[in-house]
Amino acid sequence: MLEKEKDKFVNIMESEQQEFENKVEEIAQKVAVFDQNTDADDFERIAKDARELHKTLVDAQNLAKLYNNREALTGRPETSYDNIKAMI
């Protein structure tokens, strides 16, 4: 019975991680185009966007740690989320 619960947990975790990886791809696209913000007259919006993007990246990094901890608990290999670290 415990093995059945573990399998259920792993399936849910895998689904959540797939959604998370899609979100990380979206964040990467935002980071990639962020340097196109060059209008000094729009610095307040750019600064606000930078703060929001940084918060999103920190949140993603925290989720990556959570998923890695869950993988360790279930004996699964750790997924690399180095791309998140590189964006910060």
PDB file of N, CA and C in Angstrom:
ATOM      1  N   MET A   1       0.822  -1.197   0.000  1.00  0.00           N
ATOM      2  CA  MET A   1       0.000   0.000   0.000  1.00  0.00           C
ATOM      3  C   MET A   1       0.865   1.261   0.000  1.00  0.00           C
ATOM      4  N   LEU A   2       1.959   1.233   0.753  1.00  0.00           N
ATOM      5  CA  LEU A   2       2.851   2.377   0.803  1.00  0.00           C
ATOM      6  C   LEU A   2       3.461   2.641  -0.571  1.00  0.00           C
ATOM      7  N   GLU A   3       3.816   1.587  -1.277  1.00  0.00           N
ATOM      8  CA  GLU A   3       4.395   1.724  -2.618  1.00  0.00           C
ATOM      9  C   GLU A   3       3.384   2.370  -3.581  1.00  0.00           C
ATOM     10  N   LYS A   4       2.118   2.035  -3.410  1.00  0.00           N
ATOM     11  CA  LYS A   4       1.067   2.608  -4.253  1.00  0.00           C
ATOM     12  C   LYS A   4       0.962   4.120  -4.009  1.00  0.00           C
ATOM     13  N   GLU A   5       1.043   4.530  -2.746  1.00  0.00           N
ATOM     14  CA  GLU A   5       0.993   5.951  -2.401  1.00  0.00           C
ATOM     15  C   GLU A   5       2.220   6.681  -2.939  1.00  0.00           C
ATOM     16  N   LYS A   6       3.373   6.021  -2.866  1.00  0.00           N
ATOM     17  CA  LYS A   6       4.596   6.609  -3.399  1.00  0.00           C
ATOM     18  C   LYS A   6       4.466   6.825  -4.901  1.00  0.00           C
ATOM     19  N   ASP A   7       3.943   5.828  -5.608  1.00  0.00           N
ATOM     20  CA  ASP A   7       3.755   5.949  -7.056  1.00  0.00           C
ATOM     21  C   ASP A   7       2.808   7.098  -7.391  1.00  0.00           C
ATOM     22  N   LYS A   8       1.759   7.230  -6.614  1.00  0.00           N
ATOM     23  CA  LYS A   8       0.802   8.319  -6.825  1.00  0.00           C
ATOM     24  C   LYS A   8       1.492   9.670  -6.616  1.00  0.00           C
ATOM     25  N   PHE A   9       2.270   9.774  -5.547  1.00  0.00           N
ATOM     26  CA  PHE A   9       3.012  10.998  -5.251  1.00  0.00           C
ATOM     27  C   PHE A   9       3.984  11.331  -6.382  1.00  0.00           C
ATOM     28  N   VAL A  10       4.710  10.326  -6.866  1.00  0.00           N
ATOM     29  CA  VAL A  10       5.681  10.527  -7.944  1.00  0.00           C
ATOM     30  C   VAL A  10       4.976  11.003  -9.212  1.00  0.00           C
ATOM     31  N   ASN A  11       3.830  10.435  -9.534  1.00  0.00           N
ATOM     32  CA  ASN A  11       3.090  10.860 -10.722  1.00  0.00           C
ATOM     33  C   ASN A  11       2.650  12.318 -10.614  1.00  0.00           C
ATOM     34  N   ILE A  12       2.170  12.692  -9.457  1.00  0.00           N
ATOM     35  CA  ILE A  12       1.764  14.090  -9.237  1.00  0.00           C
ATOM     36  C   ILE A  12       2.984  15.004  -9.347  1.00  0.00           C
ATOM     37  N   MET A  13       4.078  14.586  -8.726  1.00  0.00           N
ATOM     38  CA  MET A  13       5.299  15.371  -8.753  1.00  0.00           C
ATOM     39  C   MET A  13       5.796  15.562 -10.194  1.00  0.00           C
ATOM     40  N   GLU A  14       5.785  14.504 -10.964  1.00  0.00           N
ATOM     41  CA  GLU A  14       6.232  14.597 -12.357  1.00  0.00           C
ATOM     42  C   GLU A  14       5.366  15.554 -13.160  1.00  0.00           C
ATOM     43  N   SER A  15       4.080  15.521 -12.927  1.00  0.00           N
ATOM     44  CA  SER A  15       3.163  16.431 -13.615  1.00  0.00           C
ATOM     45  C   SER A  15       3.450  17.878 -13.226  1.00  0.00           C
ATOM     46  N   GLU A  16       3.630  18.112 -11.923  1.00  0.00           N
ATOM     47  CA  GLU A  16       3.937  19.463 -11.453  1.00  0.00           C
ATOM     48  C   GLU A  16       5.268  19.953 -12.013  1.00  0.00           C
ATOM     49  N   GLN A  17       6.248  19.056 -12.071  1.00  0.00           N
ATOM     50  CA  GLN A  17       7.550  19.446 -12.591  1.00  0.00           C
ATOM     51  C   GLN A  17       7.480  19.784 -14.080  1.00  0.00           C
ATOM     52  N   GLN A  18       6.660  19.093 -14.826  1.00  0.00           N
ATOM     53  CA  GLN A  18       6.520  19.411 -16.246  1.00  0.00           C
ATOM     54  C   GLN A  18       5.926  20.808 -16.418  1.00  0.00           C
ATOM     55  N   GLU A  19       4.915  21.122 -15.622  1.00  0.00           N
ATOM     56  CA  GLU A  19       4.336  22.468 -15.657  1.00  0.00           C
ATOM     57  C   GLU A  19       5.376  23.511 -15.259  1.00  0.00           C
ATOM     58  N   PHE A  20       6.176  23.180 -14.247  1.00  0.00           N
ATOM     59  CA  PHE A  20       7.221  24.081 -13.780  1.00  0.00           C
ATOM     60  C   PHE A  20       8.255  24.319 -14.876  1.00  0.00           C
ATOM     61  N   GLU A  21       8.657  23.268 -15.569  1.00  0.00           N
ATOM     62  CA  GLU A  21       9.633  23.421 -16.648  1.00  0.00           C
ATOM     63  C   GLU A  21       9.090  24.310 -17.762  1.00  0.00           C
ATOM     64  N   ASN A  22       7.802  24.211 -18.040  1.00  0.00           N
ATOM     65  CA  ASN A  22       7.186  25.108 -19.027  1.00  0.00           C
ATOM     66  C   ASN A  22       7.247  26.555 -18.537  1.00  0.00           C
ATOM     67  N   LYS A  23       7.002  26.745 -17.247  1.00  0.00           N
ATOM     68  CA  LYS A  23       7.064  28.088 -16.667  1.00  0.00           C
ATOM     69  C   LYS A  23       8.492  28.630 -16.739  1.00  0.00           C
ATOM     70  N   VAL A  24       9.478  27.788 -16.480  1.00  0.00           N
ATOM     71  CA  VAL A  24      10.875  28.217 -16.549  1.00  0.00           C
ATOM     72  C   VAL A  24      11.223  28.653 -17.968  1.00  0.00           C
ATOM     73  N   GLU A  25      10.706  27.965 -18.956  1.00  0.00           N
ATOM     74  CA  GLU A  25      10.932  28.352 -20.352  1.00  0.00           C
ATOM     75  C   GLU A  25      10.338  29.739 -20.630  1.00  0.00           C
ATOM     76  N   GLU A  26       9.154  29.995 -20.093  1.00  0.00           N
ATOM     77  CA  GLU A  26       8.531  31.315 -20.254  1.00  0.00           C
ATOM     78  C   GLU A  26       9.373  32.398 -19.582  1.00  0.00           C
ATOM     79  N   ILE A  27       9.887  32.104 -18.404  1.00  0.00           N
ATOM     80  CA  ILE A  27      10.736  33.058 -17.696  1.00  0.00           C
ATOM     81  C   ILE A  27      11.995  33.326 -18.517  1.00  0.00           C
ATOM     82  N   ALA A  28      12.581  32.284 -19.085  1.00  0.00           N
ATOM     83  CA  ALA A  28      13.795  32.429 -19.900  1.00  0.00           C
ATOM     84  C   ALA A  28      13.543  33.347 -21.093  1.00  0.00           C
ATOM     85  N   GLN A  29      12.367  33.244 -21.677  1.00  0.00           N
ATOM     86  CA  GLN A  29      12.032  34.123 -22.800  1.00  0.00           C
ATOM     87  C   GLN A  29      11.947  35.577 -22.345  1.00  0.00           C
ATOM     88  N   LYS A  30      11.380  35.809 -21.164  1.00  0.00           N
ATOM     89  CA  LYS A  30      11.298  37.169 -20.627  1.00  0.00           C
ATOM     90  C   LYS A  30      12.684  37.723 -20.333  1.00  0.00           C
ATOM     91  N   VAL A  31      13.548  36.882 -19.776  1.00  0.00           N
ATOM     92  CA  VAL A  31      14.913  37.311 -19.477  1.00  0.00           C
ATOM     93  C   VAL A  31      15.650  37.640 -20.778  1.00  0.00           C
ATOM     94  N   ALA A  32      15.456  36.822 -21.792  1.00  0.00           N
ATOM     95  CA  ALA A  32      16.155  36.999 -23.064  1.00  0.00           C
ATOM     96  C   ALA A  32      15.829  38.330 -23.733  1.00  0.00           C
ATOM     97  N   VAL A  33      14.611  38.805 -23.562  1.00  0.00           N
ATOM     98  CA  VAL A  33      14.230  40.055 -24.225  1.00  0.00           C
ATOM     99  C   VAL A  33      14.312  41.267 -23.301  1.00  0.00           C
ATOM    100  N   PHE A  34      14.661  41.034 -22.044  1.00  0.00           N
ATOM    101  CA  PHE A  34      14.674  42.141 -21.088  1.00  0.00           C
ATOM    102  C   PHE A  34      15.667  43.223 -21.476  1.00  0.00           C
ATOM    103  N   ASP A  35      16.790  42.835 -22.078  1.00  0.00           N
ATOM    104  CA  ASP A  35      17.797  43.828 -22.435  1.00  0.00           C
ATOM    105  C   ASP A  35      17.361  44.750 -23.575  1.00  0.00           C
ATOM    106  N   GLN A  36      16.186  44.508 -24.121  1.00  0.00           N
ATOM    107  CA  GLN A  36      15.653  45.399 -25.147  1.00  0.00           C
ATOM    108  C   GLN A  36      15.041  46.652 -24.543  1.00  0.00           C
ATOM    109  N   ASN A  37      14.957  46.677 -23.217  1.00  0.00           N
ATOM    110  CA  ASN A  37      14.453  47.855 -22.512  1.00  0.00           C
ATOM    111  C   ASN A  37      15.566  48.892 -22.454  1.00  0.00           C
ATOM    112  N   THR A  38      15.537  49.837 -23.377  1.00  0.00           N
ATOM    113  CA  THR A  38      16.626  50.817 -23.466  1.00  0.00           C
ATOM    114  C   THR A  38      16.158  52.256 -23.316  1.00  0.00           C
ATOM    115  N   ASP A  39      14.867  52.453 -23.176  1.00  0.00           N
ATOM    116  CA  ASP A  39      14.328  53.818 -23.097  1.00  0.00           C
ATOM    117  C   ASP A  39      14.506  54.355 -21.674  1.00  0.00           C
ATOM    118  N   ALA A  40      15.463  55.256 -21.506  1.00  0.00           N
ATOM    119  CA  ALA A  40      15.755  55.818 -20.187  1.00  0.00           C
ATOM    120  C   ALA A  40      14.562  56.576 -19.616  1.00  0.00           C
ATOM    121  N   ASP A  41      13.708  57.093 -20.480  1.00  0.00           N
ATOM    122  CA  ASP A  41      12.527  57.819 -20.000  1.00  0.00           C
ATOM    123  C   ASP A  41      11.514  56.876 -19.344  1.00  0.00           C
ATOM    124  N   ASP A  42      11.655  55.595 -19.579  1.00  0.00           N
ATOM    125  CA  ASP A  42      10.724  54.600 -19.052  1.00  0.00           C
ATOM    126  C   ASP A  42      11.366  53.803 -17.915  1.00  0.00           C
ATOM    127  N   PHE A  43      12.331  54.435 -17.217  1.00  0.00           N
ATOM    128  CA  PHE A  43      13.110  53.717 -16.222  1.00  0.00           C
ATOM    129  C   PHE A  43      12.268  53.181 -15.069  1.00  0.00           C
ATOM    130  N   GLU A  44      11.192  53.875 -14.699  1.00  0.00           N
ATOM    131  CA  GLU A  44      10.374  53.400 -13.584  1.00  0.00           C
ATOM    132  C   GLU A  44       9.699  52.066 -13.913  1.00  0.00           C
ATOM    133  N   ARG A  45       9.151  51.961 -15.109  1.00  0.00           N
ATOM    134  CA  ARG A  45       8.524  50.704 -15.528  1.00  0.00           C
ATOM    135  C   ARG A  45       9.571  49.609 -15.659  1.00  0.00           C
ATOM    136  N   ILE A  46      10.727  49.958 -16.212  1.00  0.00           N
ATOM    137  CA  ILE A  46      11.788  48.968 -16.393  1.00  0.00           C
ATOM    138  C   ILE A  46      12.262  48.454 -15.032  1.00  0.00           C
ATOM    139  N   ALA A  47      12.420  49.354 -14.077  1.00  0.00           N
ATOM    140  CA  ALA A  47      12.850  48.956 -12.734  1.00  0.00           C
ATOM    141  C   ALA A  47      11.803  48.057 -12.083  1.00  0.00           C
ATOM    142  N   LYS A  48      10.547  48.410 -12.256  1.00  0.00           N
ATOM    143  CA  LYS A  48       9.455  47.590 -11.700  1.00  0.00           C
ATOM    144  C   LYS A  48       9.468  46.205 -12.343  1.00  0.00           C
ATOM    145  N   ASP A  49       9.618  46.167 -13.653  1.00  0.00           N
ATOM    146  CA  ASP A  49       9.667  44.883 -14.365  1.00  0.00           C
ATOM    147  C   ASP A  49      10.869  44.054 -13.899  1.00  0.00           C
ATOM    148  N   ALA A  50      12.003  44.702 -13.658  1.00  0.00           N
ATOM    149  CA  ALA A  50      13.206  43.999 -13.203  1.00  0.00           C
ATOM    150  C   ALA A  50      12.977  43.394 -11.820  1.00  0.00           C
ATOM    151  N   ARG A  51      12.351  44.149 -10.933  1.00  0.00           N
ATOM    152  CA  ARG A  51      12.056  43.630  -9.590  1.00  0.00           C
ATOM    153  C   ARG A  51      11.104  42.434  -9.664  1.00  0.00           C
ATOM    154  N   GLU A  52      10.071  42.535 -10.498  1.00  0.00           N
ATOM    155  CA  GLU A  52       9.114  41.438 -10.648  1.00  0.00           C
ATOM    156  C   GLU A  52       9.773  40.196 -11.245  1.00  0.00           C
ATOM    157  N   LEU A  53      10.626  40.406 -12.237  1.00  0.00           N
ATOM    158  CA  LEU A  53      11.316  39.289 -12.873  1.00  0.00           C
ATOM    159  C   LEU A  53      12.278  38.623 -11.883  1.00  0.00           C
ATOM    160  N   HIS A  54      12.963  39.421 -11.095  1.00  0.00           N
ATOM    161  CA  HIS A  54      13.875  38.866 -10.095  1.00  0.00           C
ATOM    162  C   HIS A  54      13.093  38.040  -9.071  1.00  0.00           C
ATOM    163  N   LYS A  55      11.964  38.552  -8.611  1.00  0.00           N
ATOM    164  CA  LYS A  55      11.139  37.808  -7.654  1.00  0.00           C
ATOM    165  C   LYS A  55      10.671  36.490  -8.265  1.00  0.00           C
ATOM    166  N   THR A  56      10.269  36.526  -9.519  1.00  0.00           N
ATOM    167  CA  THR A  56       9.834  35.317 -10.215  1.00  0.00           C
ATOM    168  C   THR A  56      10.968  34.302 -10.285  1.00  0.00           C
ATOM    169  N   LEU A  57      12.174  34.783 -10.544  1.00  0.00           N
ATOM    170  CA  LEU A  57      13.330  33.887 -10.615  1.00  0.00           C
ATOM    171  C   LEU A  57      13.666  33.284  -9.249  1.00  0.00           C
ATOM    172  N   VAL A  58      13.604  34.093  -8.201  1.00  0.00           N
ATOM    173  CA  VAL A  58      13.866  33.583  -6.850  1.00  0.00           C
ATOM    174  C   VAL A  58      12.819  32.543  -6.468  1.00  0.00           C
ATOM    175  N   ASP A  59      11.560  32.824  -6.787  1.00  0.00           N
ATOM    176  CA  ASP A  59      10.492  31.853  -6.514  1.00  0.00           C
ATOM    177  C   ASP A  59      10.737  30.550  -7.279  1.00  0.00           C
ATOM    178  N   ALA A  60      11.169  30.666  -8.529  1.00  0.00           N
ATOM    179  CA  ALA A  60      11.452  29.479  -9.341  1.00  0.00           C
ATOM    180  C   ALA A  60      12.620  28.696  -8.759  1.00  0.00           C
ATOM    181  N   GLN A  61      13.630  29.407  -8.278  1.00  0.00           N
ATOM    182  CA  GLN A  61      14.771  28.735  -7.669  1.00  0.00           C
ATOM    183  C   GLN A  61      14.340  27.967  -6.411  1.00  0.00           C
ATOM    184  N   ASN A  62      13.464  28.557  -5.625  1.00  0.00           N
ATOM    185  CA  ASN A  62      12.959  27.887  -4.428  1.00  0.00           C
ATOM    186  C   ASN A  62      12.139  26.650  -4.784  1.00  0.00           C
ATOM    187  N   LEU A  63      11.331  26.755  -5.827  1.00  0.00           N
ATOM    188  CA  LEU A  63      10.556  25.587  -6.279  1.00  0.00           C
ATOM    189  C   LEU A  63      11.485  24.491  -6.791  1.00  0.00           C
ATOM    190  N   ALA A  64      12.543  24.884  -7.480  1.00  0.00           N
ATOM    191  CA  ALA A  64      13.507  23.895  -7.975  1.00  0.00           C
ATOM    192  C   ALA A  64      14.116  23.126  -6.810  1.00  0.00           C
ATOM    193  N   LYS A  65      14.452  23.827  -5.738  1.00  0.00           N
ATOM    194  CA  LYS A  65      15.003  23.159  -4.550  1.00  0.00           C
ATOM    195  C   LYS A  65      13.972  22.190  -3.957  1.00  0.00           C
ATOM    196  N   LEU A  66      12.716  22.617  -3.912  1.00  0.00           N
ATOM    197  CA  LEU A  66      11.651  21.753  -3.391  1.00  0.00           C
ATOM    198  C   LEU A  66      11.532  20.478  -4.221  1.00  0.00           C
ATOM    199  N   TYR A  67      11.522  20.634  -5.547  1.00  0.00           N
ATOM    200  CA  TYR A  67      11.416  19.462  -6.417  1.00  0.00           C
ATOM    201  C   TYR A  67      12.627  18.547  -6.257  1.00  0.00           C
ATOM    202  N   ASN A  68      13.819  19.123  -6.129  1.00  0.00           N
ATOM    203  CA  ASN A  68      15.012  18.301  -5.918  1.00  0.00           C
ATOM    204  C   ASN A  68      14.939  17.550  -4.592  1.00  0.00           C
ATOM    205  N   ASN A  69      14.416  18.190  -3.561  1.00  0.00           N
ATOM    206  CA  ASN A  69      14.243  17.508  -2.271  1.00  0.00           C
ATOM    207  C   ASN A  69      13.254  16.359  -2.392  1.00  0.00           C
ATOM    208  N   ARG A  70      12.180  16.593  -3.116  1.00  0.00           N
ATOM    209  CA  ARG A  70      11.186  15.533  -3.309  1.00  0.00           C
ATOM    210  C   ARG A  70      11.774  14.370  -4.096  1.00  0.00           C
ATOM    211  N   GLU A  71      12.596  14.697  -5.100  1.00  0.00           N
ATOM    212  CA  GLU A  71      13.238  13.641  -5.876  1.00  0.00           C
ATOM    213  C   GLU A  71      14.143  12.795  -4.977  1.00  0.00           C
ATOM    214  N   ALA A  72      14.878  13.460  -4.099  1.00  0.00           N
ATOM    215  CA  ALA A  72      15.762  12.734  -3.189  1.00  0.00           C
ATOM    216  C   ALA A  72      14.958  11.827  -2.263  1.00  0.00           C
ATOM    217  N   LEU A  73      13.832  12.328  -1.782  1.00  0.00           N
ATOM    218  CA  LEU A  73      12.994  11.530  -0.876  1.00  0.00           C
ATOM    219  C   LEU A  73      12.418  10.291  -1.547  1.00  0.00           C
ATOM    220  N   THR A  74      12.194  10.387  -2.846  1.00  0.00           N
ATOM    221  CA  THR A  74      11.591   9.265  -3.560  1.00  0.00           C
ATOM    222  C   THR A  74      12.634   8.415  -4.297  1.00  0.00           C
ATOM    223  N   GLY A  75      13.915   8.747  -4.102  1.00  0.00           N
ATOM    224  CA  GLY A  75      14.975   7.963  -4.723  1.00  0.00           C
ATOM    225  C   GLY A  75      15.143   8.188  -6.202  1.00  0.00           C
ATOM    226  N   ARG A  76      14.656   9.295  -6.689  1.00  0.00           N
ATOM    227  CA  ARG A  76      14.766   9.610  -8.110  1.00  0.00           C
ATOM    228  C   ARG A  76      15.992  10.477  -8.350  1.00  0.00           C
ATOM    229  N   PRO A  77      16.568  10.448  -9.551  1.00  0.00           N
ATOM    230  CA  PRO A  77      17.714  11.314  -9.835  1.00  0.00           C
ATOM    231  C   PRO A  77      17.298  12.783  -9.810  1.00  0.00           C
ATOM    232  N   GLU A  78      18.214  13.612  -9.366  1.00  0.00           N
ATOM    233  CA  GLU A  78      17.938  15.042  -9.241  1.00  0.00           C
ATOM    234  C   GLU A  78      17.919  15.708 -10.608  1.00  0.00           C
ATOM    235  N   THR A  79      16.896  16.500 -10.854  1.00  0.00           N
ATOM    236  CA  THR A  79      16.781  17.277 -12.078  1.00  0.00           C
ATOM    237  C   THR A  79      17.641  18.525 -11.958  1.00  0.00           C
ATOM    238  N   SER A  80      18.384  18.827 -12.997  1.00  0.00           N
ATOM    239  CA  SER A  80      19.235  20.028 -12.985  1.00  0.00           C
ATOM    240  C   SER A  80      18.392  21.245 -13.358  1.00  0.00           C
ATOM    241  N   TYR A  81      18.460  22.233 -12.500  1.00  0.00           N
ATOM    242  CA  TYR A  81      17.811  23.509 -12.786  1.00  0.00           C
ATOM    243  C   TYR A  81      18.851  24.626 -12.824  1.00  0.00           C
ATOM    244  N   ASP A  82      20.030  24.285 -13.375  1.00  0.00           N
ATOM    245  CA  ASP A  82      21.104  25.274 -13.470  1.00  0.00           C
ATOM    246  C   ASP A  82      20.727  26.468 -14.333  1.00  0.00           C
ATOM    247  N   ASN A  83      19.785  26.257 -15.255  1.00  0.00           N
ATOM    248  CA  ASN A  83      19.357  27.366 -16.111  1.00  0.00           C
ATOM    249  C   ASN A  83      18.725  28.486 -15.296  1.00  0.00           C
ATOM    250  N   ILE A  84      18.089  28.155 -14.180  1.00  0.00           N
ATOM    251  CA  ILE A  84      17.492  29.186 -13.324  1.00  0.00           C
ATOM    252  C   ILE A  84      18.595  29.992 -12.659  1.00  0.00           C
ATOM    253  N   LYS A  85      19.600  29.294 -12.124  1.00  0.00           N
ATOM    254  CA  LYS A  85      20.733  29.973 -11.492  1.00  0.00           C
ATOM    255  C   LYS A  85      21.411  30.911 -12.473  1.00  0.00           C
ATOM    256  N   ALA A  86      21.541  30.466 -13.702  1.00  0.00           N
ATOM    257  CA  ALA A  86      22.221  31.273 -14.731  1.00  0.00           C
ATOM    258  C   ALA A  86      21.441  32.548 -15.057  1.00  0.00           C
ATOM    259  N   MET A  87      20.122  32.496 -14.929  1.00  0.00           N
ATOM    260  CA  MET A  87      19.304  33.675 -15.244  1.00  0.00           C
ATOM    261  C   MET A  87      19.345  34.706 -14.136  1.00  0.00           C
ATOM    262  N   ILE A  88      19.617  34.264 -12.909  1.00  0.00           N
ATOM    263  CA  ILE A  88      19.663  35.204 -11.777  1.00  0.00           C
ATOM    264  C   ILE A  88      20.971  35.911 -11.841  1.00  0.00           C
TER     265      ILE A  88
END
